Amino acid sequence: MAETKAKGSIEIDRVLCKGCELCIHFCPKKAISQSSELNAAGYMTAKFDDNGECTGCAICALVCPEVAIEVYRG
């Protein structure tokens, strides 16, 4: 049986993230959730739930007003 390889992944810059949750609401695969940890500015940031479902569609990065998300494909 062939091993399933993730199509994409993201990195969220916790310093830039202000916890607006736009990426969480717009992710079609629900691969992003809110972290319970605060960043240095006191915001509960988003976190990537690497469940293998990420397609690298980059919708999260497009809607992020703080440009805190980098998308990787492949």
PDB file of N, CA and C in Angstrom:
ATOM      1  N   MET A   1       0.845  -1.176   0.000  1.00  0.00           N
ATOM      2  CA  MET A   1       0.000   0.000   0.000  1.00  0.00           C
ATOM      3  C   MET A   1       0.892   1.242   0.000  1.00  0.00           C
ATOM      4  N   ALA A   2       0.577   2.194  -0.847  1.00  0.00           N
ATOM      5  CA  ALA A   2       1.378   3.410  -0.973  1.00  0.00           C
ATOM      6  C   ALA A   2       1.172   4.329   0.229  1.00  0.00           C
ATOM      7  N   GLU A   3       2.258   4.964   0.646  1.00  0.00           N
ATOM      8  CA  GLU A   3       2.187   5.904   1.762  1.00  0.00           C
ATOM      9  C   GLU A   3       1.633   7.236   1.257  1.00  0.00           C
ATOM     10  N   THR A   4       0.705   7.815   1.990  1.00  0.00           N
ATOM     11  CA  THR A   4       0.122   9.088   1.611  1.00  0.00           C
ATOM     12  C   THR A   4       1.040  10.219   2.049  1.00  0.00           C
ATOM     13  N   LYS A   5       1.403  11.073   1.102  1.00  0.00           N
ATOM     14  CA  LYS A   5       2.273  12.193   1.397  1.00  0.00           C
ATOM     15  C   LYS A   5       1.436  13.473   1.465  1.00  0.00           C
ATOM     16  N   ALA A   6       1.685  14.289   2.468  1.00  0.00           N
ATOM     17  CA  ALA A   6       0.976  15.556   2.592  1.00  0.00           C
ATOM     18  C   ALA A   6       1.298  16.435   1.393  1.00  0.00           C
ATOM     19  N   LYS A   7       0.289  17.144   0.918  1.00  0.00           N
ATOM     20  CA  LYS A   7       0.465  18.006  -0.245  1.00  0.00           C
ATOM     21  C   LYS A   7       0.981  19.376   0.136  1.00  0.00           C
ATOM     22  N   GLY A   8       0.786  19.758   1.373  1.00  0.00           N
ATOM     23  CA  GLY A   8       1.220  21.084   1.777  1.00  0.00           C
ATOM     24  C   GLY A   8       1.374  21.194   3.278  1.00  0.00           C
ATOM     25  N   SER A   9       1.941  22.308   3.680  1.00  0.00           N
ATOM     26  CA  SER A   9       2.049  22.624   5.098  1.00  0.00           C
ATOM     27  C   SER A   9       2.200  24.134   5.219  1.00  0.00           C
ATOM     28  N   ILE A  10       2.005  24.631   6.429  1.00  0.00           N
ATOM     29  CA  ILE A  10       2.151  26.066   6.658  1.00  0.00           C
ATOM     30  C   ILE A  10       2.972  26.302   7.919  1.00  0.00           C
ATOM     31  N   GLU A  11       3.548  27.486   7.995  1.00  0.00           N
ATOM     32  CA  GLU A  11       4.212  27.942   9.212  1.00  0.00           C
ATOM     33  C   GLU A  11       3.580  29.274   9.582  1.00  0.00           C
ATOM     34  N   ILE A  12       3.212  29.401  10.842  1.00  0.00           N
ATOM     35  CA  ILE A  12       2.598  30.623  11.343  1.00  0.00           C
ATOM     36  C   ILE A  12       3.600  31.336  12.240  1.00  0.00           C
ATOM     37  N   ASP A  13       3.892  32.570  11.913  1.00  0.00           N
ATOM     38  CA  ASP A  13       4.813  33.379  12.708  1.00  0.00           C
ATOM     39  C   ASP A  13       4.060  33.872  13.940  1.00  0.00           C
ATOM     40  N   ARG A  14       4.366  33.286  15.088  1.00  0.00           N
ATOM     41  CA  ARG A  14       3.646  33.618  16.326  1.00  0.00           C
ATOM     42  C   ARG A  14       3.881  35.054  16.779  1.00  0.00           C
ATOM     43  N   VAL A  15       4.969  35.648  16.363  1.00  0.00           N
ATOM     44  CA  VAL A  15       5.248  37.041  16.728  1.00  0.00           C
ATOM     45  C   VAL A  15       4.299  37.976  15.983  1.00  0.00           C
ATOM     46  N   LEU A  16       4.042  37.698  14.721  1.00  0.00           N
ATOM     47  CA  LEU A  16       3.173  38.546  13.908  1.00  0.00           C
ATOM     48  C   LEU A  16       1.686  38.270  14.100  1.00  0.00           C
ATOM     49  N   CYS A  17       1.322  37.027  14.404  1.00  0.00           N
ATOM     50  CA  CYS A  17      -0.084  36.630  14.514  1.00  0.00           C
ATOM     51  C   CYS A  17      -0.775  37.366  15.661  1.00  0.00           C
ATOM     52  N   LYS A  18      -1.969  37.893  15.366  1.00  0.00           N
ATOM     53  CA  LYS A  18      -2.750  38.597  16.384  1.00  0.00           C
ATOM     54  C   LYS A  18      -4.038  37.858  16.743  1.00  0.00           C
ATOM     55  N   GLY A  19      -4.149  36.603  16.318  1.00  0.00           N
ATOM     56  CA  GLY A  19      -5.274  35.768  16.719  1.00  0.00           C
ATOM     57  C   GLY A  19      -6.614  36.199  16.171  1.00  0.00           C
ATOM     58  N   CYS A  20      -6.645  36.768  14.979  1.00  0.00           N
ATOM     59  CA  CYS A  20      -7.917  37.244  14.401  1.00  0.00           C
ATOM     60  C   CYS A  20      -8.821  36.090  13.969  1.00  0.00           C
ATOM     61  N   GLU A  21      -8.267  34.907  13.779  1.00  0.00           N
ATOM     62  CA  GLU A  21      -8.975  33.682  13.420  1.00  0.00           C
ATOM     63  C   GLU A  21      -9.487  33.629  11.991  1.00  0.00           C
ATOM     64  N   LEU A  22      -9.105  34.574  11.134  1.00  0.00           N
ATOM     65  CA  LEU A  22      -9.541  34.512   9.741  1.00  0.00           C
ATOM     66  C   LEU A  22      -9.033  33.249   9.061  1.00  0.00           C
ATOM     67  N   CYS A  23      -7.780  32.899   9.299  1.00  0.00           N
ATOM     68  CA  CYS A  23      -7.219  31.695   8.682  1.00  0.00           C
ATOM     69  C   CYS A  23      -7.977  30.447   9.131  1.00  0.00           C
ATOM     70  N   ILE A  24      -8.388  30.424  10.379  1.00  0.00           N
ATOM     71  CA  ILE A  24      -9.119  29.279  10.927  1.00  0.00           C
ATOM     72  C   ILE A  24     -10.455  29.121  10.209  1.00  0.00           C
ATOM     73  N   HIS A  25     -11.160  30.207  10.025  1.00  0.00           N
ATOM     74  CA  HIS A  25     -12.492  30.171   9.406  1.00  0.00           C
ATOM     75  C   HIS A  25     -12.441  29.866   7.916  1.00  0.00           C
ATOM     76  N   PHE A  26     -11.373  30.285   7.232  1.00  0.00           N
ATOM     77  CA  PHE A  26     -11.314  30.109   5.790  1.00  0.00           C
ATOM     78  C   PHE A  26     -10.605  28.837   5.346  1.00  0.00           C
ATOM     79  N   CYS A  27      -9.927  28.131   6.227  1.00  0.00           N
ATOM     80  CA  CYS A  27      -9.224  26.904   5.843  1.00  0.00           C
ATOM     81  C   CYS A  27     -10.236  25.831   5.434  1.00  0.00           C
ATOM     82  N   PRO A  28     -10.214  25.394   4.161  1.00  0.00           N
ATOM     83  CA  PRO A  28     -11.195  24.401   3.717  1.00  0.00           C
ATOM     84  C   PRO A  28     -10.996  23.019   4.349  1.00  0.00           C
ATOM     85  N   LYS A  29      -9.805  22.727   4.831  1.00  0.00           N
ATOM     86  CA  LYS A  29      -9.514  21.421   5.434  1.00  0.00           C
ATOM     87  C   LYS A  29      -9.516  21.461   6.961  1.00  0.00           C
ATOM     88  N   LYS A  30      -9.799  22.628   7.539  1.00  0.00           N
ATOM     89  CA  LYS A  30      -9.831  22.798   9.007  1.00  0.00           C
ATOM     90  C   LYS A  30      -8.530  22.328   9.643  1.00  0.00           C
ATOM     91  N   ALA A  31      -7.415  22.721   9.021  1.00  0.00           N
ATOM     92  CA  ALA A  31      -6.091  22.319   9.495  1.00  0.00           C
ATOM     93  C   ALA A  31      -5.450  23.365  10.405  1.00  0.00           C
ATOM     94  N   ILE A  32      -6.209  24.397  10.770  1.00  0.00           N
ATOM     95  CA  ILE A  32      -5.689  25.464  11.633  1.00  0.00           C
ATOM     96  C   ILE A  32      -6.657  25.642  12.798  1.00  0.00           C
ATOM     97  N   SER A  33      -6.117  25.819  13.978  1.00  0.00           N
ATOM     98  CA  SER A  33      -6.948  26.062  15.161  1.00  0.00           C
ATOM     99  C   SER A  33      -6.296  27.143  16.014  1.00  0.00           C
ATOM    100  N   GLN A  34      -7.000  27.542  17.048  1.00  0.00           N
ATOM    101  CA  GLN A  34      -6.460  28.561  17.941  1.00  0.00           C
ATOM    102  C   GLN A  34      -5.621  27.895  19.024  1.00  0.00           C
ATOM    103  N   SER A  35      -4.444  28.434  19.246  1.00  0.00           N
ATOM    104  CA  SER A  35      -3.547  27.931  20.274  1.00  0.00           C
ATOM    105  C   SER A  35      -4.016  28.404  21.644  1.00  0.00           C
ATOM    106  N   SER A  36      -3.684  27.672  22.657  1.00  0.00           N
ATOM    107  CA  SER A  36      -4.007  28.099  24.020  1.00  0.00           C
ATOM    108  C   SER A  36      -2.866  28.908  24.625  1.00  0.00           C
ATOM    109  N   GLU A  37      -1.784  29.065  23.863  1.00  0.00           N
ATOM    110  CA  GLU A  37      -0.618  29.802  24.342  1.00  0.00           C
ATOM    111  C   GLU A  37      -0.644  31.236  23.830  1.00  0.00           C
ATOM    112  N   LEU A  38      -0.161  32.155  24.647  1.00  0.00           N
ATOM    113  CA  LEU A  38      -0.087  33.558  24.270  1.00  0.00           C
ATOM    114  C   LEU A  38       1.281  33.870  23.682  1.00  0.00           C
ATOM    115  N   ASN A  39       1.309  34.795  22.714  1.00  0.00           N
ATOM    116  CA  ASN A  39       2.604  35.253  22.218  1.00  0.00           C
ATOM    117  C   ASN A  39       3.071  36.421  23.085  1.00  0.00           C
ATOM    118  N   ALA A  40       4.192  37.031  22.749  1.00  0.00           N
ATOM    119  CA  ALA A  40       4.765  38.103  23.565  1.00  0.00           C
ATOM    120  C   ALA A  40       3.853  39.318  23.670  1.00  0.00           C
ATOM    121  N   ALA A  41       2.992  39.522  22.666  1.00  0.00           N
ATOM    122  CA  ALA A  41       2.076  40.660  22.677  1.00  0.00           C
ATOM    123  C   ALA A  41       0.772  40.350  23.417  1.00  0.00           C
ATOM    124  N   GLY A  42       0.608  39.102  23.858  1.00  0.00           N
ATOM    125  CA  GLY A  42      -0.578  38.722  24.619  1.00  0.00           C
ATOM    126  C   GLY A  42      -1.729  38.188  23.788  1.00  0.00           C
ATOM    127  N   TYR A  43      -1.472  37.823  22.533  1.00  0.00           N
ATOM    128  CA  TYR A  43      -2.513  37.277  21.659  1.00  0.00           C
ATOM    129  C   TYR A  43      -2.484  35.756  21.673  1.00  0.00           C
ATOM    130  N   MET A  44      -3.653  35.152  21.626  1.00  0.00           N
ATOM    131  CA  MET A  44      -3.756  33.701  21.442  1.00  0.00           C
ATOM    132  C   MET A  44      -3.665  33.456  19.940  1.00  0.00           C
ATOM    133  N   THR A  45      -2.561  32.929  19.510  1.00  0.00           N
ATOM    134  CA  THR A  45      -2.276  32.807  18.087  1.00  0.00           C
ATOM    135  C   THR A  45      -2.907  31.568  17.466  1.00  0.00           C
ATOM    136  N   ALA A  46      -2.851  31.521  16.148  1.00  0.00           N
ATOM    137  CA  ALA A  46      -3.299  30.348  15.410  1.00  0.00           C
ATOM    138  C   ALA A  46      -2.181  29.310  15.428  1.00  0.00           C
ATOM    139  N   LYS A  47      -2.568  28.039  15.257  1.00  0.00           N
ATOM    140  CA  LYS A  47      -1.563  26.972  15.151  1.00  0.00           C
ATOM    141  C   LYS A  47      -1.984  26.009  14.054  1.00  0.00           C
ATOM    142  N   PHE A  48      -0.998  25.441  13.394  1.00  0.00           N
ATOM    143  CA  PHE A  48      -1.222  24.486  12.312  1.00  0.00           C
ATOM    144  C   PHE A  48      -1.391  23.098  12.897  1.00  0.00           C
ATOM    145  N   ASP A  49      -2.503  22.464  12.586  1.00  0.00           N
ATOM    146  CA  ASP A  49      -2.761  21.092  13.018  1.00  0.00           C
ATOM    147  C   ASP A  49      -2.359  20.180  11.865  1.00  0.00           C
ATOM    148  N   ASP A  50      -1.153  19.691  11.896  1.00  0.00           N
ATOM    149  CA  ASP A  50      -0.623  18.895  10.800  1.00  0.00           C
ATOM    150  C   ASP A  50      -1.283  17.521  10.778  1.00  0.00           C
ATOM    151  N   ASN A  51      -2.468  17.476  10.182  1.00  0.00           N
ATOM    152  CA  ASN A  51      -3.226  16.228  10.115  1.00  0.00           C
ATOM    153  C   ASN A  51      -3.107  15.558   8.749  1.00  0.00           C
ATOM    154  N   GLY A  52      -2.228  16.080   7.892  1.00  0.00           N
ATOM    155  CA  GLY A  52      -2.040  15.505   6.563  1.00  0.00           C
ATOM    156  C   GLY A  52      -3.071  15.946   5.557  1.00  0.00           C
ATOM    157  N   GLU A  53      -3.990  16.814   5.956  1.00  0.00           N
ATOM    158  CA  GLU A  53      -5.060  17.254   5.072  1.00  0.00           C
ATOM    159  C   GLU A  53      -4.720  18.516   4.293  1.00  0.00           C
ATOM    160  N   CYS A  54      -3.709  19.255   4.713  1.00  0.00           N
ATOM    161  CA  CYS A  54      -3.364  20.523   4.067  1.00  0.00           C
ATOM    162  C   CYS A  54      -3.003  20.291   2.605  1.00  0.00           C
ATOM    163  N   THR A  55      -3.628  21.066   1.718  1.00  0.00           N
ATOM    164  CA  THR A  55      -3.361  20.944   0.292  1.00  0.00           C
ATOM    165  C   THR A  55      -2.410  22.019  -0.211  1.00  0.00           C
ATOM    166  N   GLY A  56      -2.059  22.968   0.639  1.00  0.00           N
ATOM    167  CA  GLY A  56      -1.205  24.067   0.212  1.00  0.00           C
ATOM    168  C   GLY A  56      -1.948  25.083  -0.626  1.00  0.00           C
ATOM    169  N   CYS A  57      -3.239  25.209  -0.427  1.00  0.00           N
ATOM    170  CA  CYS A  57      -4.078  26.100  -1.243  1.00  0.00           C
ATOM    171  C   CYS A  57      -3.752  27.576  -1.032  1.00  0.00           C
ATOM    172  N   ALA A  58      -3.172  27.924   0.108  1.00  0.00           N
ATOM    173  CA  ALA A  58      -2.729  29.286   0.448  1.00  0.00           C
ATOM    174  C   ALA A  58      -3.861  30.262   0.760  1.00  0.00           C
ATOM    175  N   ILE A  59      -5.066  29.780   0.948  1.00  0.00           N
ATOM    176  CA  ILE A  59      -6.162  30.674   1.321  1.00  0.00           C
ATOM    177  C   ILE A  59      -5.856  31.338   2.661  1.00  0.00           C
ATOM    178  N   CYS A  60      -5.298  30.584   3.578  1.00  0.00           N
ATOM    179  CA  CYS A  60      -4.967  31.131   4.900  1.00  0.00           C
ATOM    180  C   CYS A  60      -4.010  32.311   4.784  1.00  0.00           C
ATOM    181  N   ALA A  61      -2.996  32.166   3.939  1.00  0.00           N
ATOM    182  CA  ALA A  61      -2.013  33.238   3.760  1.00  0.00           C
ATOM    183  C   ALA A  61      -2.629  34.450   3.077  1.00  0.00           C
ATOM    184  N   LEU A  62      -3.551  34.214   2.172  1.00  0.00           N
ATOM    185  CA  LEU A  62      -4.196  35.324   1.459  1.00  0.00           C
ATOM    186  C   LEU A  62      -5.095  36.154   2.368  1.00  0.00           C
ATOM    187  N   VAL A  63      -5.759  35.518   3.321  1.00  0.00           N
ATOM    188  CA  VAL A  63      -6.681  36.257   4.193  1.00  0.00           C
ATOM    189  C   VAL A  63      -6.007  36.814   5.440  1.00  0.00           C
ATOM    190  N   CYS A  64      -4.765  36.440   5.701  1.00  0.00           N
ATOM    191  CA  CYS A  64      -4.066  36.891   6.902  1.00  0.00           C
ATOM    192  C   CYS A  64      -3.687  38.372   6.788  1.00  0.00           C
ATOM    193  N   PRO A  65      -4.278  39.239   7.622  1.00  0.00           N
ATOM    194  CA  PRO A  65      -3.966  40.672   7.525  1.00  0.00           C
ATOM    195  C   PRO A  65      -2.570  41.022   8.029  1.00  0.00           C
ATOM    196  N   GLU A  66      -1.947  40.133   8.770  1.00  0.00           N
ATOM    197  CA  GLU A  66      -0.623  40.392   9.332  1.00  0.00           C
ATOM    198  C   GLU A  66       0.507  39.747   8.529  1.00  0.00           C
ATOM    199  N   VAL A  67       0.169  39.037   7.461  1.00  0.00           N
ATOM    200  CA  VAL A  67       1.132  38.320   6.619  1.00  0.00           C
ATOM    201  C   VAL A  67       2.014  37.436   7.494  1.00  0.00           C
ATOM    202  N   ALA A  68       1.361  36.657   8.343  1.00  0.00           N
ATOM    203  CA  ALA A  68       2.063  35.828   9.321  1.00  0.00           C
ATOM    204  C   ALA A  68       2.150  34.362   8.912  1.00  0.00           C
ATOM    205  N   ILE A  69       1.673  34.022   7.714  1.00  0.00           N
ATOM    206  CA  ILE A  69       1.624  32.612   7.301  1.00  0.00           C
ATOM    207  C   ILE A  69       2.436  32.388   6.038  1.00  0.00           C
ATOM    208  N   GLU A  70       3.296  31.373   6.087  1.00  0.00           N
ATOM    209  CA  GLU A  70       4.033  30.938   4.915  1.00  0.00           C
ATOM    210  C   GLU A  70       3.508  29.566   4.521  1.00  0.00           C
ATOM    211  N   VAL A  71       3.279  29.358   3.237  1.00  0.00           N
ATOM    212  CA  VAL A  71       2.715  28.106   2.727  1.00  0.00           C
ATOM    213  C   VAL A  71       3.796  27.355   1.957  1.00  0.00           C
ATOM    214  N   TYR A  72       3.858  26.059   2.197  1.00  0.00           N
ATOM    215  CA  TYR A  72       4.804  25.184   1.509  1.00  0.00           C
ATOM    216  C   TYR A  72       4.032  24.078   0.805  1.00  0.00           C
ATOM    217  N   ARG A  73       4.368  23.828  -0.432  1.00  0.00           N
ATOM    218  CA  ARG A  73       3.689  22.780  -1.215  1.00  0.00           C
ATOM    219  C   ARG A  73       4.675  21.672  -1.556  1.00  0.00           C
ATOM    220  N   GLY A  74       4.106  20.457  -1.619  1.00  0.00           N
ATOM    221  CA  GLY A  74       4.934  19.346  -2.074  1.00  0.00           C
ATOM    222  C   GLY A  74       5.408  18.489  -1.061  1.00  0.00           C
TER     223      GLY A  74
END
